[in-house]
Amino acid sequence: MAPMLHEWDNFYITTGSASASLIGLSFVVVTLGGRMPSSDVADGVRAFLMPALIHFCGVLLIALVVLSPFVSPWPVAVIFCLGGSGGLAYLIKNVLMRRKVDFVSLHWLDWIPYAVVPALGNASMIAGAAGLIAEKSFAPYAIAGAATLFLFLGIYEAGDLTFWIIRNRREQ
């Protein structure tokens, strides 16, 4: 474990376990929508499930990297920097896709959890990576903040998926 993150192992064990459990639970929720028309399911998966799974998998990856026996903070920082940069690229793609999807209209306040908060989480992960390399005391807090944001974002998005499935099953 990178020396700066040594005292954080219980936090990452807990968040990693929670995200792994929620990944499995997300697939259970999707099976509830199995009787919907396939085009509706595909649109719902792209709009709701994939971002939730990306965030849950991001938390799991953060936990696995932090708990890995790296002796230097450099590999951890590189992985987090690449993950944060890739997360920002995925966020831009996802926001553009959600704007084109016609079966759901998002109010301007809905863009806060779908665009602003993920951008803050990815920026926090990049800042934490830079802090690890520079050996700054804020680094573990920035990384833990990113993991916490991603965990709550995944829960929020999984809730949206569940409500979308329930609403669309009633209309049939």
Protein backbone atom coordinates (compact mmCIF):
# COMPACT_ATOMS: atom_id res chain seq x y z
CA MET A 1 0.00 0.00 0.00
CA ALA A 2 1.26 3.48 -0.80
CA PRO A 3 2.58 4.99 2.47
CA MET A 4 0.18 7.98 2.48
CA LEU A 5 -2.83 5.69 2.15
CA HIS A 6 -1.78 3.20 4.82
CA GLU A 7 -4.25 4.36 7.46
CA TRP A 8 -7.19 4.29 5.04
CA ASP A 9 -7.51 0.53 4.52
CA ASN A 10 -10.79 0.12 6.46
CA PHE A 11 -12.41 2.88 4.41
CA TYR A 12 -11.44 1.25 1.13
CA ILE A 13 -12.41 -2.24 2.28
CA THR A 14 -15.85 -0.89 3.17
CA THR A 15 -16.37 1.17 -0.01
CA GLY A 16 -15.03 -1.62 -2.22
CA SER A 17 -17.34 -4.17 -0.63
CA ALA A 18 -20.32 -1.84 -0.93
CA SER A 19 -19.66 -1.11 -4.58
CA ALA A 20 -19.21 -4.80 -5.43
CA SER A 21 -22.52 -5.60 -3.74
CA LEU A 22 -24.28 -2.77 -5.55
CA ILE A 23 -22.92 -3.94 -8.91
CA GLY A 24 -24.61 -7.30 -8.34
CA LEU A 25 -27.80 -5.64 -7.13
CA SER A 26 -27.90 -3.48 -10.28
CA PHE A 27 -28.09 -6.61 -12.40
CA VAL A 28 -30.98 -7.88 -10.29
CA VAL A 29 -32.84 -4.62 -10.95
CA VAL A 30 -32.25 -4.95 -14.69
CA THR A 31 -33.74 -8.44 -14.71
CA LEU A 32 -36.95 -6.93 -13.30
CA GLY A 33 -37.25 -4.97 -16.53
CA GLY A 34 -36.71 -8.06 -18.68
CA ARG A 35 -40.25 -8.05 -20.08
CA MET A 36 -39.91 -4.58 -21.60
CA PRO A 37 -39.44 -4.13 -25.36
CA SER A 38 -35.79 -4.56 -26.28
CA SER A 39 -35.37 -1.06 -27.74
CA ASP A 40 -36.63 0.50 -24.49
CA VAL A 41 -34.31 -1.70 -22.45
CA ALA A 42 -31.31 -0.76 -24.61
CA ASP A 43 -32.06 2.95 -24.24
CA GLY A 44 -32.54 2.61 -20.49
CA VAL A 45 -29.32 0.65 -20.08
CA ARG A 46 -27.33 3.24 -21.98
CA ALA A 47 -28.90 6.16 -20.13
CA PHE A 48 -29.12 4.80 -16.59
CA LEU A 49 -27.35 1.51 -15.97
CA MET A 50 -23.98 2.08 -17.63
CA PRO A 51 -23.15 5.29 -15.73
CA ALA A 52 -24.15 3.63 -12.44
CA LEU A 53 -22.00 0.59 -13.21
CA ILE A 54 -19.10 2.81 -14.27
CA HIS A 55 -19.28 4.64 -10.95
CA PHE A 56 -19.58 1.44 -8.90
CA CYS A 57 -16.70 -0.14 -10.83
CA GLY A 58 -14.69 3.05 -10.32
CA VAL A 59 -15.10 2.78 -6.56
CA LEU A 60 -14.13 -0.89 -6.70
CA LEU A 61 -11.05 -0.05 -8.78
CA ILE A 62 -10.03 2.73 -6.40
CA ALA A 63 -10.32 0.33 -3.46
CA LEU A 64 -8.34 -2.39 -5.24
CA VAL A 65 -5.56 0.00 -6.26
CA VAL A 66 -5.27 1.56 -2.81
CA LEU A 67 -5.18 -1.86 -1.14
CA SER A 68 -2.60 -3.25 -3.60
CA PRO A 69 0.93 -3.68 -2.23
CA PHE A 70 2.62 -0.90 -4.19
CA VAL A 71 5.76 0.35 -2.44
CA SER A 72 5.74 3.65 -4.29
CA PRO A 73 2.89 6.11 -4.78
CA TRP A 74 3.77 6.50 -8.47
CA PRO A 75 1.83 3.50 -9.86
CA VAL A 76 -1.19 4.45 -7.77
CA ALA A 77 -0.98 8.06 -8.95
CA VAL A 78 -0.67 7.03 -12.61
CA ILE A 79 -3.67 4.70 -12.36
CA PHE A 80 -5.76 7.38 -10.65
CA CYS A 81 -4.72 10.06 -13.14
CA LEU A 82 -5.63 7.80 -16.07
CA GLY A 83 -8.89 6.82 -14.37
CA GLY A 84 -9.85 10.43 -13.69
CA SER A 85 -8.99 11.50 -17.23
CA GLY A 86 -10.90 8.56 -18.70
CA GLY A 87 -13.82 9.37 -16.42
CA LEU A 88 -13.93 12.95 -17.70
CA ALA A 89 -13.87 11.71 -21.31
CA TYR A 90 -16.69 9.23 -20.57
CA LEU A 91 -18.64 11.99 -18.81
CA ILE A 92 -18.51 14.21 -21.89
CA LYS A 93 -19.67 11.32 -24.09
CA ASN A 94 -22.44 10.43 -21.64
CA VAL A 95 -23.73 14.00 -21.33
CA LEU A 96 -23.88 14.32 -25.12
CA MET A 97 -25.71 10.98 -25.37
CA ARG A 98 -28.23 11.89 -22.66
CA ARG A 99 -29.03 15.13 -24.43
CA LYS A 100 -29.97 13.12 -27.54
CA VAL A 101 -32.10 10.49 -25.81
CA ASP A 102 -35.72 11.37 -26.43
CA PHE A 103 -37.50 9.15 -23.90
CA VAL A 104 -36.31 11.12 -20.89
CA SER A 105 -36.14 14.87 -20.42
CA LEU A 106 -33.85 16.17 -17.74
CA HIS A 107 -34.63 19.38 -15.88
CA TRP A 108 -31.63 21.69 -15.48
CA LEU A 109 -31.31 20.66 -11.82
CA ASP A 110 -31.02 17.01 -12.91
CA TRP A 111 -27.76 17.84 -14.69
CA ILE A 112 -26.06 18.48 -11.32
CA PRO A 113 -25.86 14.78 -10.39
CA TYR A 114 -25.37 13.70 -14.01
CA ALA A 115 -22.66 16.16 -15.06
CA VAL A 116 -21.36 18.43 -12.29
CA VAL A 117 -20.85 15.91 -9.48
CA PRO A 118 -19.10 13.30 -11.69
CA ALA A 119 -16.80 16.04 -13.00
CA LEU A 120 -15.96 16.98 -9.40
CA GLY A 121 -15.27 13.33 -8.56
CA ASN A 122 -12.96 12.85 -11.53
CA ALA A 123 -11.19 16.15 -10.83
CA SER A 124 -10.78 15.08 -7.20
CA MET A 125 -9.20 11.81 -8.31
CA ILE A 126 -6.75 13.64 -10.59
CA ALA A 127 -5.94 16.11 -7.79
CA GLY A 128 -5.42 13.19 -5.40
CA ALA A 129 -3.06 11.56 -7.89
CA ALA A 130 -1.04 14.77 -8.19
CA GLY A 131 -1.04 15.08 -4.40
CA LEU A 132 0.30 11.53 -4.03
CA ILE A 133 3.23 12.32 -6.31
CA ALA A 134 3.92 15.62 -4.54
CA GLU A 135 3.39 13.97 -1.13
CA LYS A 136 0.76 16.50 -0.09
CA SER A 137 -1.44 15.79 2.92
CA PHE A 138 -4.69 16.43 1.02
CA ALA A 139 -4.13 13.48 -1.36
CA PRO A 140 -5.81 10.71 0.69
CA TYR A 141 -8.79 12.97 1.35
CA ALA A 142 -9.16 13.85 -2.34
CA ILE A 143 -9.09 10.18 -3.33
CA ALA A 144 -11.53 9.20 -0.57
CA GLY A 145 -13.78 12.09 -1.62
CA ALA A 146 -13.80 10.84 -5.20
CA ALA A 147 -14.66 7.31 -4.06
CA THR A 148 -17.49 8.62 -1.87
CA LEU A 149 -18.90 10.79 -4.66
CA PHE A 150 -18.80 7.90 -7.12
CA LEU A 151 -20.50 5.55 -4.66
CA PHE A 152 -23.36 7.97 -4.01
CA LEU A 153 -23.65 8.80 -7.73
CA GLY A 154 -23.98 5.12 -8.53
CA ILE A 155 -26.71 4.76 -5.92
CA TYR A 156 -28.54 7.81 -7.30
CA GLU A 157 -28.31 6.53 -10.88
CA ALA A 158 -29.40 3.00 -9.88
CA GLY A 159 -32.42 4.57 -8.20
CA ASP A 160 -33.23 6.42 -11.40
CA LEU A 161 -32.96 3.14 -13.33
CA THR A 162 -35.33 1.45 -10.91
CA PHE A 163 -37.90 4.25 -11.14
CA TRP A 164 -37.61 4.28 -14.94
CA ILE A 165 -38.27 0.52 -15.10
CA ILE A 166 -41.24 0.81 -12.75
CA ARG A 167 -42.74 3.72 -14.70
CA ASN A 168 -42.31 2.01 -18.06
CA ARG A 169 -43.67 -1.34 -16.87
CA ARG A 170 -46.87 0.33 -15.68
CA GLU A 171 -47.43 1.94 -19.07
CA GLN A 172 -47.52 -1.41 -20.87
